[in-house]
């Protein structure tokens, strides 16, 4: 009781306005992302309601707004002349440019019948690209409340005792982990790369953080959940996916190739984190209050995050269309993913004994996650039982590594990555997450 009274006295020493910022803004952010409300007969989180209202009441504006974003994203690498930075950048610049033509076919309903069928281009554009193009910038605005006023730093300090023994990373890496789930993998990778170059992460620590925590955000998870018909159980899906993703990471870091990454520092500079061994809550409050005190005005923060969200959509929407189209065409008209799916089939077959439906189709869907994280959900839809849809939804997020976005982002950092290692880690993550998600799902459904 004495310790609690001391903490309350310390809190009282801060300016009331900053205390309100930390508490009230954090609660607003939490309510927007995690507290379902019923509106017009539908119960879901407020962010999803906002996206649905815009999409349903302004369909023409939405269609052409997304069209403009795709065109901008496809042209920007060539306008900025960044397309030939390296081979990876060049390849994805071409894919972004091709995304413009996919958008033209979708908006004006022109193109070969084989790819204009409802399950391919119309689905990619209207059911996937449009919701993503809306939820990312709108979600980015409300992320201001979660990541701009101290909540993230407060959690980071409290998580120090967990990160080192379980994940072999510094306590501040909890901020990267949370930033991915409530922000974006691009934001988290930016943080990771910056901290690595400052000598506060070793190469191994940065590698673990990037490949183990830098998954897509809650905004993207909403699209996966909607596609698989999981929004009625959103909170259970979100939090269990977070836990399964992190348990998978805790296992992965103890086996190759992750365990074999050298523990070296960028340019030989090492600035290890000071470990807090006492008064943890006091330090957590201090960290949170310092951020709240120095945070920009709310409107400025919202504007900055909105711009970042829009710019992020210009980077991801064209590749979702082009890479997604390639993936769906290969899945629909070639046996490539059927063949690759048989690598995972022994696992999905064993799990079918526990209630997973269509093990061949699930194996194929999981294989598609290496191409683009949305594709497993698009292949499965709402056709299979709840347990199977839930497992596929978890895999879409917890696999983390996919060629349409996260892998190129990682390769653009200064952290030493190899594509071969990332493909192996993707496979390991899928297998482990398949088992964990199935076992967890069996307890719930």
Protein backbone atom coordinates (compact mmCIF):
# COMPACT_ATOMS: atom_id res chain seq x y z
CA UNK A 1 0.00 0.00 0.00
CA UNK A 2 2.85 2.35 0.80
CA UNK A 3 4.38 1.81 -2.64
CA UNK A 4 1.04 2.53 -4.34
CA UNK A 5 0.64 5.75 -2.32
CA UNK A 6 4.13 6.83 -3.39
CA UNK A 7 3.26 6.16 -7.04
CA UNK A 8 0.07 8.22 -6.69
CA UNK A 9 2.09 11.10 -5.20
CA UNK A 10 4.51 10.93 -8.14
CA UNK A 11 1.63 10.99 -10.60
CA UNK A 12 0.19 14.06 -8.88
CA UNK A 13 3.51 15.85 -9.49
CA UNK A 14 2.88 15.76 -13.25
CA UNK A 15 0.80 18.39 -15.01
CA UNK A 16 -2.89 17.39 -15.07
CA UNK A 17 -3.08 18.03 -18.82
CA UNK A 18 -0.32 15.49 -19.49
CA UNK A 19 -1.93 12.91 -17.20
CA UNK A 20 -5.17 13.39 -19.14
CA UNK A 21 -3.34 13.01 -22.45
CA UNK A 22 -1.85 9.68 -21.42
CA UNK A 23 -5.05 8.28 -19.92
CA UNK A 24 -7.83 9.74 -22.10
CA UNK A 25 -6.10 9.49 -25.48
CA UNK A 26 -4.97 5.94 -24.74
CA UNK A 27 -8.53 4.96 -23.83
CA UNK A 28 -9.85 6.51 -27.05
CA UNK A 29 -7.34 4.53 -29.08
CA UNK A 30 -8.12 1.31 -27.25
CA UNK A 31 -11.88 1.81 -27.74
CA UNK A 32 -11.50 2.46 -31.48
CA UNK A 33 -9.50 -0.71 -32.10
CA UNK A 34 -10.65 -3.17 -29.46
CA UNK A 35 -14.16 -2.46 -28.11
CA UNK A 36 -16.97 -3.69 -30.41
CA UNK A 37 -20.18 -1.64 -30.52
CA UNK A 38 -23.49 -2.38 -32.23
CA UNK A 39 -24.58 -0.05 -35.01
CA UNK A 40 -27.30 -0.63 -37.60
CA UNK A 41 -27.69 -4.21 -36.48
CA UNK A 42 -23.98 -5.02 -36.80
CA UNK A 43 -21.56 -5.43 -33.91
CA UNK A 44 -17.93 -4.62 -34.67
CA UNK A 45 -15.17 -2.19 -33.64
CA UNK A 46 -15.78 1.55 -34.35
CA UNK A 47 -12.97 1.67 -36.91
CA UNK A 48 -14.68 -1.03 -38.98
CA UNK A 49 -18.02 0.82 -38.72
CA UNK A 50 -16.41 3.98 -40.10
CA UNK A 51 -14.91 2.12 -43.07
CA UNK A 52 -18.23 0.41 -43.83
CA UNK A 53 -20.15 3.71 -43.72
CA UNK A 54 -17.76 5.38 -46.16
CA UNK A 55 -17.72 2.36 -48.46
CA UNK A 56 -21.51 1.88 -48.44
CA UNK A 57 -22.65 5.50 -48.66
CA UNK A 58 -19.96 6.86 -51.00
CA UNK A 59 -19.23 3.96 -53.40
CA UNK A 60 -18.33 6.07 -56.44
CA UNK A 61 -15.99 8.35 -54.49
CA UNK A 62 -14.39 5.34 -52.80
CA UNK A 63 -13.80 3.50 -56.08
CA UNK A 64 -12.08 6.45 -57.75
CA UNK A 65 -10.20 7.53 -54.61
CA UNK A 66 -8.61 4.08 -54.49
CA UNK A 67 -8.00 4.25 -58.24
CA UNK A 68 -6.12 7.55 -57.78
CA UNK A 69 -4.05 6.06 -54.94
CA UNK A 70 -3.07 3.06 -57.08
CA UNK A 71 -2.05 5.30 -60.01
CA UNK A 72 0.01 7.53 -57.69
CA UNK A 73 1.66 4.50 -56.09
CA UNK A 74 2.48 2.96 -59.45
CA UNK A 75 4.05 6.14 -60.80
CA UNK A 76 5.86 7.51 -57.73
CA UNK A 77 9.00 5.30 -57.98
CA UNK A 78 9.53 6.57 -61.53
CA UNK A 79 8.66 10.19 -60.75
CA UNK A 80 11.06 10.18 -57.78
CA UNK A 81 13.57 8.17 -59.85
CA UNK A 82 14.03 5.65 -57.04
CA UNK A 83 12.96 2.66 -59.16
CA UNK A 84 16.52 1.57 -60.02
CA UNK A 85 18.02 1.79 -56.52
CA UNK A 86 18.70 -1.97 -56.57
CA UNK A 87 17.30 -5.14 -58.15
CA UNK A 88 14.65 -5.66 -55.47
CA UNK A 89 13.43 -2.06 -55.72
CA UNK A 90 13.36 -2.26 -59.51
CA UNK A 91 11.33 -5.48 -59.45
CA UNK A 92 8.74 -4.06 -57.08
CA UNK A 93 8.60 -0.75 -58.93
CA UNK A 94 7.60 -2.70 -62.06
CA UNK A 95 5.00 -4.64 -60.04
CA UNK A 96 3.57 -1.37 -58.68
CA UNK A 97 3.34 -0.01 -62.23
CA UNK A 98 1.53 -3.15 -63.37
CA UNK A 99 -0.91 -2.60 -60.54
CA UNK A 100 -2.22 0.47 -62.43
CA UNK A 101 -3.38 -1.74 -65.32
CA UNK A 102 -5.09 -4.14 -62.92
CA UNK A 103 -6.93 -1.17 -61.39
CA UNK A 104 -7.99 0.08 -64.85
CA UNK A 105 -9.45 -3.34 -65.65
CA UNK A 106 -11.29 -3.42 -62.32
CA UNK A 107 -12.73 0.11 -62.45
CA UNK A 108 -13.76 0.06 -66.13
CA UNK A 109 -14.62 -3.66 -66.24
CA UNK A 110 -12.40 -4.43 -69.20
CA UNK A 111 -10.04 -7.34 -69.72
CA UNK A 112 -9.93 -11.05 -70.51
CA UNK A 113 -12.88 -12.98 -69.09
CA UNK A 114 -10.51 -15.46 -67.47
CA UNK A 115 -9.26 -12.83 -65.01
CA UNK A 116 -12.41 -10.66 -64.88
CA UNK A 117 -14.41 -13.42 -63.19
CA UNK A 118 -15.77 -12.26 -59.79
CA UNK A 119 -13.24 -14.28 -57.79
CA UNK A 120 -10.17 -12.63 -59.32
CA UNK A 121 -9.88 -8.94 -60.36
CA UNK A 122 -13.27 -7.70 -59.04
CA UNK A 123 -12.59 -9.47 -55.77
CA UNK A 124 -9.05 -8.10 -55.53
CA UNK A 125 -10.20 -4.55 -56.12
CA UNK A 126 -13.60 -4.20 -54.47
CA UNK A 127 -13.30 -6.72 -51.63
CA UNK A 128 -9.64 -6.31 -50.76
CA UNK A 129 -7.95 -3.20 -52.14
CA UNK A 130 -10.82 -0.80 -51.40
CA UNK A 131 -11.21 -1.82 -47.71
CA UNK A 132 -7.42 -1.77 -47.21
CA UNK A 133 -7.18 1.63 -48.90
CA UNK A 134 -9.75 3.00 -46.46
CA UNK A 135 -8.84 1.24 -43.23
CA UNK A 136 -5.11 2.06 -43.36
CA UNK A 137 -5.35 5.89 -43.46
CA UNK A 138 -8.40 6.01 -41.15
CA UNK A 139 -6.69 3.55 -38.80
CA UNK A 140 -3.51 5.65 -38.99
CA UNK A 141 -5.40 8.69 -37.68
CA UNK A 142 -6.63 6.82 -34.64
CA UNK A 143 -3.22 5.26 -34.10
CA UNK A 144 -2.25 8.75 -32.95
CA UNK A 145 -4.08 7.99 -29.71
CA UNK A 146 -2.31 4.64 -29.20
CA UNK A 147 1.27 5.44 -30.16
CA UNK A 148 1.62 9.21 -29.79
CA UNK A 149 0.93 9.94 -26.13
CA UNK A 150 2.93 7.54 -23.99
CA UNK A 151 1.01 4.25 -23.92
CA UNK A 152 3.55 2.49 -26.12
CA UNK A 153 6.51 3.56 -23.99
CA UNK A 154 4.67 2.72 -20.77
CA UNK A 155 4.07 -0.83 -22.03
CA UNK A 156 7.66 -1.13 -23.26
CA UNK A 157 9.18 -0.54 -19.82
CA UNK A 158 6.78 -2.96 -18.15
CA UNK A 159 7.67 -5.64 -20.71
CA UNK A 160 11.44 -5.56 -20.08
CA UNK A 161 11.47 -8.68 -17.83
CA UNK A 162 9.62 -10.62 -20.53
CA UNK A 163 11.57 -9.73 -23.67
CA UNK A 164 15.11 -10.80 -22.71
CA UNK A 165 14.44 -14.28 -21.27
CA UNK A 166 11.73 -15.23 -23.77
CA UNK A 167 12.80 -13.50 -26.99
CA UNK A 168 16.49 -12.72 -26.29
CA UNK A 169 15.92 -9.07 -27.20
CA UNK A 170 16.13 -5.81 -25.18
CA UNK A 171 13.06 -4.52 -23.33
CA UNK A 172 12.56 -1.69 -25.79
CA UNK A 173 11.88 -4.28 -28.52
CA UNK A 174 8.42 -4.63 -26.95
CA UNK A 175 7.73 -1.23 -28.50
CA UNK A 176 8.57 -2.65 -31.95
CA UNK A 177 6.30 -5.62 -31.31
CA UNK A 178 3.36 -3.47 -30.22
CA UNK A 179 4.06 -0.93 -32.99
CA UNK A 180 3.58 -3.70 -35.56
CA UNK A 181 0.25 -4.85 -34.23
CA UNK A 182 -1.22 -1.39 -33.64
CA UNK A 183 0.79 0.49 -36.29
CA UNK A 184 2.44 -1.28 -39.19
CA UNK A 185 5.39 -3.51 -40.00
CA UNK A 186 6.90 -0.64 -41.99
CA UNK A 187 6.78 1.58 -38.89
CA UNK A 188 8.24 -1.20 -36.75
CA UNK A 189 11.01 -1.91 -39.29
CA UNK A 190 11.84 1.79 -39.39
CA UNK A 191 12.19 1.78 -35.60
CA UNK A 192 14.23 -1.45 -35.63
CA UNK A 193 16.63 -0.27 -38.33
CA UNK A 194 17.17 3.07 -36.62
CA UNK A 195 17.87 1.48 -33.23
CA UNK A 196 20.17 -1.11 -34.88
CA UNK A 197 22.22 1.62 -36.58
CA UNK A 198 22.49 3.45 -33.25
CA UNK A 199 24.17 0.34 -31.79
CA UNK A 200 21.31 -0.43 -29.37
CA UNK A 201 20.42 -3.72 -31.13
CA UNK A 202 22.88 -6.33 -32.34
CA UNK A 203 22.42 -7.83 -35.82
CA UNK A 204 20.87 -10.92 -34.25
CA UNK A 205 18.50 -8.91 -32.06
CA UNK A 206 17.41 -6.76 -35.02
CA UNK A 207 16.94 -9.91 -37.14
CA UNK A 208 14.76 -11.52 -34.45
CA UNK A 209 12.67 -8.38 -34.01
CA UNK A 210 12.14 -7.89 -37.75
CA UNK A 211 11.29 -11.50 -38.61
CA UNK A 212 9.51 -12.26 -35.35
CA UNK A 213 7.45 -9.16 -34.55
CA UNK A 214 7.06 -7.09 -37.73
CA UNK A 215 3.68 -8.45 -38.76
CA UNK A 216 0.81 -6.50 -40.26
CA UNK A 217 -1.24 -4.15 -38.13
CA UNK A 218 -4.67 -4.36 -36.58
CA UNK A 219 -5.97 -2.41 -39.59
CA UNK A 220 -4.89 -5.18 -41.95
CA UNK A 221 -6.13 -7.84 -39.55
CA UNK A 222 -9.61 -6.35 -39.82
CA UNK A 223 -9.62 -7.06 -43.57
CA UNK A 224 -8.52 -10.66 -43.01
CA UNK A 225 -11.17 -11.12 -40.32
CA UNK A 226 -13.90 -9.63 -42.53
CA UNK A 227 -12.93 -11.85 -45.48
CA UNK A 228 -13.04 -14.97 -43.30
CA UNK A 229 -16.20 -13.98 -41.44
CA UNK A 230 -14.43 -13.61 -38.09
CA UNK A 231 -15.47 -10.08 -37.08
CA UNK A 232 -18.05 -11.42 -34.63
CA UNK A 233 -15.13 -12.77 -32.60
CA UNK A 234 -12.69 -9.95 -33.34
CA UNK A 235 -11.13 -9.53 -29.90
CA UNK A 236 -10.55 -13.25 -29.48
CA UNK A 237 -9.05 -13.42 -32.98
CA UNK A 238 -6.81 -10.38 -32.46
CA UNK A 239 -5.41 -11.25 -29.04
CA UNK A 240 -4.99 -14.97 -29.70
CA UNK A 241 -3.19 -14.19 -32.98
CA UNK A 242 -0.86 -11.85 -31.10
CA UNK A 243 -0.08 -14.54 -28.51
CA UNK A 244 0.37 -17.31 -31.11
CA UNK A 245 2.63 -15.07 -33.20
CA UNK A 246 4.87 -14.33 -30.23
CA UNK A 247 4.96 -17.94 -29.02
CA UNK A 248 5.98 -18.95 -32.55
CA UNK A 249 8.76 -16.34 -32.44
CA UNK A 250 9.98 -17.63 -29.06
CA UNK A 251 10.38 -21.09 -30.61
CA UNK A 252 11.87 -19.92 -33.93
CA UNK A 253 14.72 -17.97 -32.33
CA UNK A 254 16.03 -21.16 -30.72
CA UNK A 255 16.43 -23.06 -34.02
CA UNK A 256 18.27 -22.35 -37.27
CA UNK A 257 18.71 -20.21 -39.21
CA UNK A 258 17.80 -17.55 -36.62
CA UNK A 259 19.92 -19.10 -33.86
CA UNK A 260 22.97 -18.95 -36.14
CA UNK A 261 22.84 -15.20 -36.86
CA UNK A 262 25.94 -13.48 -35.50
CA UNK A 263 25.57 -11.19 -32.48
CA UNK A 264 27.49 -8.31 -34.09
CA UNK A 265 26.83 -4.57 -33.92
CA UNK A 266 26.50 -2.04 -36.71
CA UNK A 267 29.94 -0.47 -37.35
CA UNK A 268 31.12 -2.12 -34.11
CA UNK A 269 29.19 0.39 -31.96
CA UNK A 270 27.48 -1.18 -28.95
CA UNK A 271 25.11 0.75 -26.66
CA UNK A 272 23.33 -1.89 -24.60
CA UNK A 273 20.10 -1.04 -22.85
CA UNK A 274 20.19 -0.17 -19.16
CA UNK A 275 18.26 -2.86 -17.35
CA UNK A 276 15.68 -1.61 -14.86
CA UNK A 277 15.62 -3.87 -11.81
CA UNK A 278 13.56 -1.84 -9.38
CA UNK A 279 10.73 0.70 -9.36
CA UNK A 280 9.60 -0.58 -12.78
CA UNK A 281 6.15 1.00 -12.54
CA UNK A 282 7.74 4.33 -11.61
CA UNK A 283 10.01 4.20 -14.66
CA UNK A 284 7.11 3.14 -16.88
CA UNK A 285 5.04 6.11 -15.72
CA UNK A 286 7.99 8.45 -16.22
CA UNK A 287 8.53 7.18 -19.79
CA UNK A 288 4.86 7.53 -20.62
CA UNK A 289 4.55 10.99 -19.08
CA UNK A 290 7.67 12.28 -20.83
CA UNK A 291 6.20 11.28 -24.18
CA UNK A 292 2.82 12.81 -23.28
CA UNK A 293 4.53 16.05 -22.20
CA UNK A 294 6.60 16.36 -25.39
CA UNK A 295 3.93 15.07 -27.77
CA UNK A 296 2.71 17.38 -30.55
CA UNK A 297 -0.80 18.76 -30.58
CA UNK A 298 -3.47 16.20 -31.35
CA UNK A 299 -4.49 17.67 -34.71
CA UNK A 300 -0.85 17.85 -35.78
CA UNK A 301 -0.31 14.24 -34.74
CA UNK A 302 -3.45 13.08 -36.56
CA UNK A 303 -2.46 14.99 -39.69
CA UNK A 304 1.04 13.49 -39.65
CA UNK A 305 -0.27 9.95 -39.18
CA UNK A 306 -2.94 10.45 -41.86
CA UNK A 307 -0.27 11.52 -44.37
CA UNK A 308 1.83 8.50 -43.39
CA UNK A 309 -1.21 6.25 -43.82
CA UNK A 310 -2.02 7.62 -47.26
CA UNK A 311 1.61 7.31 -48.34
CA UNK A 312 1.63 3.75 -47.04
CA UNK A 313 -1.40 2.92 -49.18
CA UNK A 314 0.39 4.23 -52.27
CA UNK A 315 3.15 1.74 -51.54
CA UNK A 316 0.99 -1.32 -50.83
CA UNK A 317 -2.18 -1.06 -52.95
CA UNK A 318 -0.50 -1.39 -56.38
CA UNK A 319 1.49 -4.44 -55.22
CA UNK A 320 -1.59 -6.00 -53.64
CA UNK A 321 -3.25 -5.79 -57.07
CA UNK A 322 -0.32 -6.99 -59.19
CA UNK A 323 1.16 -9.61 -56.86
CA UNK A 324 -2.33 -10.62 -55.76
CA UNK A 325 -3.41 -11.10 -59.38
CA UNK A 326 -0.32 -13.19 -60.12
CA UNK A 327 -0.97 -15.31 -57.06
CA UNK A 328 -4.68 -15.79 -57.78
CA UNK A 329 -4.09 -16.63 -61.45
CA UNK A 330 -1.39 -19.16 -60.54
CA UNK A 331 -3.68 -20.63 -57.89
CA UNK A 332 -6.69 -20.74 -60.25
CA UNK A 333 -5.13 -21.90 -63.51
CA UNK A 334 -1.90 -23.69 -62.64
CA UNK A 335 -0.95 -26.52 -60.29
CA UNK A 336 2.02 -24.60 -58.82
CA UNK A 337 0.52 -23.93 -55.41
CA UNK A 338 -1.17 -27.31 -55.35
CA UNK A 339 2.26 -28.88 -55.74
CA UNK A 340 3.90 -26.53 -53.23
CA UNK A 341 1.00 -27.10 -50.86
CA UNK A 342 1.90 -30.77 -50.58
CA UNK A 343 4.97 -29.71 -48.59
CA UNK A 344 2.56 -28.62 -45.84
CA UNK A 345 -0.03 -31.33 -46.50
CA UNK A 346 1.35 -33.84 -43.94
CA UNK A 347 0.84 -31.19 -41.25
CA UNK A 348 -2.66 -30.15 -42.37
CA UNK A 349 -3.67 -33.81 -42.79
CA UNK A 350 -2.73 -34.58 -39.18
CA UNK A 351 -4.58 -31.45 -38.06
CA UNK A 352 -7.66 -32.56 -40.02
CA UNK A 353 -7.98 -35.32 -37.43
CA UNK A 354 -8.56 -32.48 -34.91
CA UNK A 355 -11.26 -30.73 -36.96
CA UNK A 356 -9.52 -28.85 -39.79
CA UNK A 357 -11.54 -29.15 -43.02
CA UNK A 358 -10.09 -29.64 -46.55
CA UNK A 359 -6.43 -30.19 -45.57
CA UNK A 360 -5.29 -29.96 -49.20
CA UNK A 361 -6.98 -26.57 -49.66
CA UNK A 362 -5.66 -25.29 -46.32
CA UNK A 363 -2.11 -26.38 -47.25
CA UNK A 364 -2.45 -24.51 -50.55
CA UNK A 365 -3.80 -21.42 -48.76
CA UNK A 366 -0.90 -21.41 -46.29
CA UNK A 367 1.57 -21.64 -49.18
CA UNK A 368 -0.03 -18.55 -50.76
CA UNK A 369 0.86 -16.57 -47.63
CA UNK A 370 4.47 -16.41 -48.84
CA UNK A 371 3.31 -14.46 -51.89
CA UNK A 372 0.86 -12.09 -50.16
CA UNK A 373 -0.59 -12.26 -46.65
CA UNK A 374 -4.17 -11.63 -47.85
CA UNK A 375 -4.28 -14.50 -50.35
CA UNK A 376 -4.99 -17.35 -47.87
CA UNK A 377 -8.12 -15.52 -46.72
CA UNK A 378 -9.23 -14.84 -50.30
CA UNK A 379 -8.85 -18.51 -51.22
CA UNK A 380 -10.75 -19.82 -48.19
CA UNK A 381 -13.34 -17.07 -47.71
CA UNK A 382 -16.27 -18.20 -45.56
CA UNK A 383 -16.58 -21.62 -47.21
CA UNK A 384 -15.13 -23.81 -44.44
CA UNK A 385 -15.94 -24.34 -40.77
CA UNK A 386 -15.12 -21.75 -38.11
CA UNK A 387 -12.06 -23.58 -36.77
CA UNK A 388 -10.50 -23.81 -40.24
CA UNK A 389 -11.21 -20.16 -41.05
CA UNK A 390 -9.74 -19.11 -37.72
CA UNK A 391 -6.55 -21.14 -38.30
CA UNK A 392 -6.09 -19.67 -41.79
CA UNK A 393 -6.68 -16.18 -40.35
CA UNK A 394 -3.95 -16.73 -37.76
CA UNK A 395 -1.51 -18.05 -40.39
CA UNK A 396 -2.10 -14.99 -42.58
CA UNK A 397 -0.76 -12.78 -39.78
CA UNK A 398 1.69 -14.93 -37.84
CA UNK A 399 3.69 -16.08 -40.89
CA UNK A 400 4.94 -12.44 -41.09
CA UNK A 401 7.13 -12.89 -44.18
CA UNK A 402 5.64 -12.34 -47.65
CA UNK A 403 7.08 -11.19 -50.96
CA UNK A 404 4.55 -8.49 -51.82
CA UNK A 405 5.65 -6.17 -49.01
CA UNK A 406 7.35 -7.28 -45.78
CA UNK A 407 10.35 -9.06 -47.35
CA UNK A 408 11.22 -6.12 -49.68
CA UNK A 409 10.87 -3.75 -46.70
CA UNK A 410 13.29 -5.86 -44.68
CA UNK A 411 15.77 -6.09 -47.54
CA UNK A 412 15.75 -2.28 -47.82
CA UNK A 413 17.10 -1.91 -44.25
CA UNK A 414 20.71 -2.13 -43.08
CA UNK A 415 20.01 -5.33 -41.14
CA UNK A 416 21.79 -8.36 -42.71
CA UNK A 417 19.02 -10.47 -44.28
CA UNK A 418 19.21 -13.35 -46.76
CA UNK A 419 16.18 -14.35 -48.83
CA UNK A 420 16.99 -18.04 -48.31
CA UNK A 421 16.87 -17.60 -44.52
CA UNK A 422 13.59 -15.73 -44.69
CA UNK A 423 11.92 -18.44 -46.79
CA UNK A 424 13.06 -21.09 -44.30
CA UNK A 425 11.78 -19.01 -41.37
CA UNK A 426 8.45 -18.50 -43.16
CA UNK A 427 8.06 -22.29 -43.47
CA UNK A 428 8.97 -22.83 -39.82
CA UNK A 429 6.53 -20.16 -38.70
CA UNK A 430 3.66 -21.60 -40.75
CA UNK A 431 4.15 -25.13 -39.40
CA UNK A 432 4.40 -24.02 -35.76
CA UNK A 433 1.52 -21.54 -36.02
CA UNK A 434 -0.68 -24.15 -37.74
CA UNK A 435 -0.30 -26.48 -34.78
CA UNK A 436 -0.72 -23.75 -32.13
CA UNK A 437 -3.75 -22.16 -33.81
CA UNK A 438 -5.49 -25.51 -34.24
CA UNK A 439 -4.93 -26.50 -30.61
CA UNK A 440 -6.08 -23.10 -29.37
CA UNK A 441 -9.09 -23.11 -31.70
CA UNK A 442 -10.15 -26.52 -30.40
CA UNK A 443 -10.34 -25.08 -26.88
CA UNK A 444 -12.50 -22.16 -28.00
CA UNK A 445 -14.91 -23.56 -30.60
